[in-house]
């Protein structure tokens, strides 16, 4: 259970202002079916989170407790650094003629593959209970995708997400550094 809430929060904050949320808003506007696009985006994120949680469960027996903490610390540092970068607009997938469900499903799965949310899911699943890490991250992804789809691109881009991302990035960097120094017993 200790992985559920952290995975939810990590997915929620890491995807705020992310390209996959932006693409969700774009596709919701294009197809006029925000709920369907949000569900497809959630399934896409869920598939990536399932891969990460499975890998984390597989790695868990091979890692010491300090290695698991260091793994999570590195995930926080890299996730925080990612939040500090300016987000470029996603490919709008205008050439994709797969429909209002398959286009967001495949497009967002490909775009989100290897994103910080999956890194957190992997690290949290390696620490404890991969199923809870998967569930928390997928539900957090749904909240962001649903919000982006309901708002649409114009409203989503008008939110002050740049400053929110920067603040969260600083907190993640500091938390990752503290956890990392603790994991290698320097703190």
Protein backbone atom coordinates (compact mmCIF):
# COMPACT_ATOMS: atom_id res chain seq x y z
CA UNK A 1 0.00 0.00 0.00
CA UNK A 2 2.96 2.32 0.55
CA UNK A 3 3.45 2.60 -3.23
CA UNK A 4 -0.12 3.63 -4.11
CA UNK A 5 -0.19 7.23 -2.92
CA UNK A 6 3.40 8.13 -3.91
CA UNK A 7 2.81 6.69 -7.39
CA UNK A 8 -0.43 8.67 -7.70
CA UNK A 9 1.24 11.91 -6.62
CA UNK A 10 4.28 11.30 -8.83
CA UNK A 11 2.09 10.70 -11.89
CA UNK A 12 -0.02 13.72 -11.10
CA UNK A 13 2.84 16.17 -10.67
CA UNK A 14 5.13 14.76 -13.37
CA UNK A 15 2.46 14.93 -16.04
CA UNK A 16 1.28 18.44 -15.27
CA UNK A 17 2.19 20.43 -18.33
CA UNK A 18 3.76 17.37 -19.99
CA UNK A 19 3.58 16.73 -23.71
CA UNK A 20 1.29 13.73 -23.31
CA UNK A 21 -1.30 15.85 -21.48
CA UNK A 22 -0.96 18.53 -24.15
CA UNK A 23 -1.48 15.91 -26.88
CA UNK A 24 -4.53 14.63 -25.00
CA UNK A 25 -6.00 18.14 -25.07
CA UNK A 26 -5.20 18.50 -28.79
CA UNK A 27 -6.83 15.18 -29.68
CA UNK A 28 -9.87 15.85 -27.49
CA UNK A 29 -10.43 19.10 -29.39
CA UNK A 30 -9.88 17.45 -32.76
CA UNK A 31 -12.28 14.56 -32.21
CA UNK A 32 -14.78 16.32 -29.95
CA UNK A 33 -14.85 13.27 -27.64
CA UNK A 34 -12.91 14.29 -24.55
CA UNK A 35 -13.96 11.37 -22.36
CA UNK A 36 -13.08 8.79 -25.01
CA UNK A 37 -9.69 10.45 -25.62
CA UNK A 38 -9.03 10.62 -21.85
CA UNK A 39 -9.83 6.92 -21.47
CA UNK A 40 -7.56 6.02 -24.41
CA UNK A 41 -4.79 8.15 -22.88
CA UNK A 42 -5.26 6.42 -19.53
CA UNK A 43 -5.02 2.99 -21.14
CA UNK A 44 -1.87 4.10 -22.97
CA UNK A 45 -0.30 5.35 -19.74
CA UNK A 46 -1.53 2.24 -17.95
CA UNK A 47 0.23 0.00 -20.46
CA UNK A 48 3.51 1.85 -19.92
CA UNK A 49 3.03 1.78 -16.16
CA UNK A 50 2.30 -1.96 -16.29
CA UNK A 51 5.60 -2.55 -18.08
CA UNK A 52 7.43 -0.41 -15.51
CA UNK A 53 5.72 -2.07 -12.52
CA UNK A 54 6.46 -5.53 -13.89
CA UNK A 55 10.12 -4.61 -14.38
CA UNK A 56 10.24 -3.14 -10.86
CA UNK A 57 8.78 -6.31 -9.39
CA UNK A 58 11.34 -8.34 -11.30
CA UNK A 59 14.25 -6.14 -10.09
CA UNK A 60 13.14 -5.95 -6.45
CA UNK A 61 14.68 -9.20 -5.20
CA UNK A 62 18.03 -8.26 -6.75
CA UNK A 63 18.34 -4.88 -5.01
CA UNK A 64 19.38 -4.06 -1.47
CA UNK A 65 17.27 -1.55 0.50
CA UNK A 66 19.89 1.15 -0.05
CA UNK A 67 19.99 0.40 -3.78
CA UNK A 68 16.20 0.73 -3.92
CA UNK A 69 16.42 4.12 -2.17
CA UNK A 70 19.17 5.24 -4.53
CA UNK A 71 17.08 4.11 -7.49
CA UNK A 72 14.15 6.21 -6.25
CA UNK A 73 16.49 9.15 -5.60
CA UNK A 74 17.81 9.00 -9.16
CA UNK A 75 14.25 8.87 -10.44
CA UNK A 76 13.43 12.00 -8.42
CA UNK A 77 16.53 13.84 -9.65
CA UNK A 78 15.96 12.99 -13.30
CA UNK A 79 12.22 13.70 -13.01
CA UNK A 80 12.95 17.04 -11.35
CA UNK A 81 15.45 17.92 -14.07
CA UNK A 82 12.90 17.02 -16.73
CA UNK A 83 10.37 19.36 -15.14
CA UNK A 84 12.86 22.22 -15.40
CA UNK A 85 13.05 21.97 -19.21
CA UNK A 86 10.71 23.92 -21.39
CA UNK A 87 8.04 21.72 -22.96
CA UNK A 88 7.89 21.74 -26.74
CA UNK A 89 4.56 21.11 -28.38
CA UNK A 90 3.88 17.49 -29.29
CA UNK A 91 3.43 16.21 -32.81
CA UNK A 92 -0.27 16.80 -33.44
CA UNK A 93 -0.64 13.43 -35.24
CA UNK A 94 -2.58 15.09 -38.04
CA UNK A 95 -1.63 12.36 -40.51
CA UNK A 96 -2.97 9.63 -38.26
CA UNK A 97 -6.40 8.50 -39.45
CA UNK A 98 -7.00 5.78 -36.86
CA UNK A 99 -10.00 7.32 -35.13
CA UNK A 100 -10.78 8.97 -31.84
CA UNK A 101 -9.73 5.99 -29.71
CA UNK A 102 -6.80 4.32 -31.47
CA UNK A 103 -4.98 7.57 -32.37
CA UNK A 104 -4.68 8.77 -28.75
CA UNK A 105 -4.05 5.22 -27.53
CA UNK A 106 -1.05 4.63 -29.79
CA UNK A 107 0.14 8.24 -30.00
CA UNK A 108 0.22 8.80 -26.25
CA UNK A 109 1.69 5.35 -25.56
CA UNK A 110 4.59 6.11 -27.90
CA UNK A 111 5.03 9.67 -26.61
CA UNK A 112 4.96 8.65 -22.94
CA UNK A 113 7.24 5.62 -23.29
CA UNK A 114 10.10 6.14 -20.84
CA UNK A 115 8.72 9.32 -19.27
CA UNK A 116 9.42 10.22 -15.60
CA UNK A 117 6.11 8.73 -14.46
CA UNK A 118 7.21 5.31 -15.66
CA UNK A 119 10.59 5.82 -13.99
CA UNK A 120 8.82 6.51 -10.68
CA UNK A 121 6.55 3.53 -11.18
CA UNK A 122 9.58 1.34 -11.78
CA UNK A 123 11.41 2.67 -8.71
CA UNK A 124 8.35 2.43 -6.45
CA UNK A 125 7.50 -1.06 -7.70
CA UNK A 126 11.06 -2.15 -6.91
CA UNK A 127 10.59 -0.90 -3.33
CA UNK A 128 7.25 -2.58 -2.66
CA UNK A 129 4.02 -3.91 -4.16
CA UNK A 130 4.20 -3.40 -7.95
CA UNK A 131 0.42 -3.64 -8.29
CA UNK A 132 -0.11 -0.62 -6.08
CA UNK A 133 2.61 1.34 -7.90
CA UNK A 134 0.86 0.55 -11.20
CA UNK A 135 -2.61 1.46 -9.87
CA UNK A 136 -1.48 4.75 -8.30
CA UNK A 137 0.44 5.89 -11.36
CA UNK A 138 -2.36 4.95 -13.73
CA UNK A 139 -5.00 6.75 -11.66
CA UNK A 140 -2.78 9.85 -11.45
CA UNK A 141 -2.37 9.70 -15.23
CA UNK A 142 -6.13 9.48 -15.63
CA UNK A 143 -6.69 12.60 -13.53
CA UNK A 144 -4.28 14.61 -15.67
CA UNK A 145 -5.55 13.19 -18.97
CA UNK A 146 -9.18 13.75 -17.99
CA UNK A 147 -8.48 17.34 -16.96
CA UNK A 148 -6.52 18.09 -20.14
CA UNK A 149 -9.20 16.50 -22.35
CA UNK A 150 -12.05 18.36 -20.67
CA UNK A 151 -10.26 21.72 -20.79
CA UNK A 152 -9.08 21.42 -24.38
CA UNK A 153 -5.86 22.79 -25.81
CA UNK A 154 -6.54 26.50 -25.48
CA UNK A 155 -7.57 26.34 -21.81
CA UNK A 156 -4.84 23.79 -20.97
CA UNK A 157 -2.12 25.99 -22.46
CA UNK A 158 -3.44 29.07 -20.66
CA UNK A 159 -2.75 27.49 -17.25
CA UNK A 160 0.47 28.70 -15.53
CA UNK A 161 2.01 25.25 -15.89
CA UNK A 162 5.53 26.49 -16.56
CA UNK A 163 5.88 27.90 -13.05
CA UNK A 164 4.17 24.94 -11.44
CA UNK A 165 6.56 22.59 -13.24
CA UNK A 166 9.57 24.65 -12.14
CA UNK A 167 8.48 24.64 -8.50
CA UNK A 168 7.78 20.90 -8.51
CA UNK A 169 11.09 20.31 -10.29
CA UNK A 170 13.03 22.14 -7.58
CA UNK A 171 11.27 20.16 -4.83
CA UNK A 172 11.94 16.88 -6.68
CA UNK A 173 15.62 17.74 -7.18
CA UNK A 174 16.09 18.59 -3.51
CA UNK A 175 14.17 15.50 -2.37
CA UNK A 176 16.16 13.29 -4.74
CA UNK A 177 19.47 14.70 -3.56
CA UNK A 178 18.56 14.22 0.11
CA UNK A 179 17.30 10.68 -0.49
CA UNK A 180 20.36 9.86 -2.59
CA UNK A 181 22.80 11.16 0.01
CA UNK A 182 20.94 9.18 2.65
CA UNK A 183 21.03 6.04 0.49
CA UNK A 184 24.82 6.22 0.15
CA UNK A 185 25.04 7.08 3.86
CA UNK A 186 26.46 10.56 3.44
CA UNK A 187 23.59 12.17 5.30
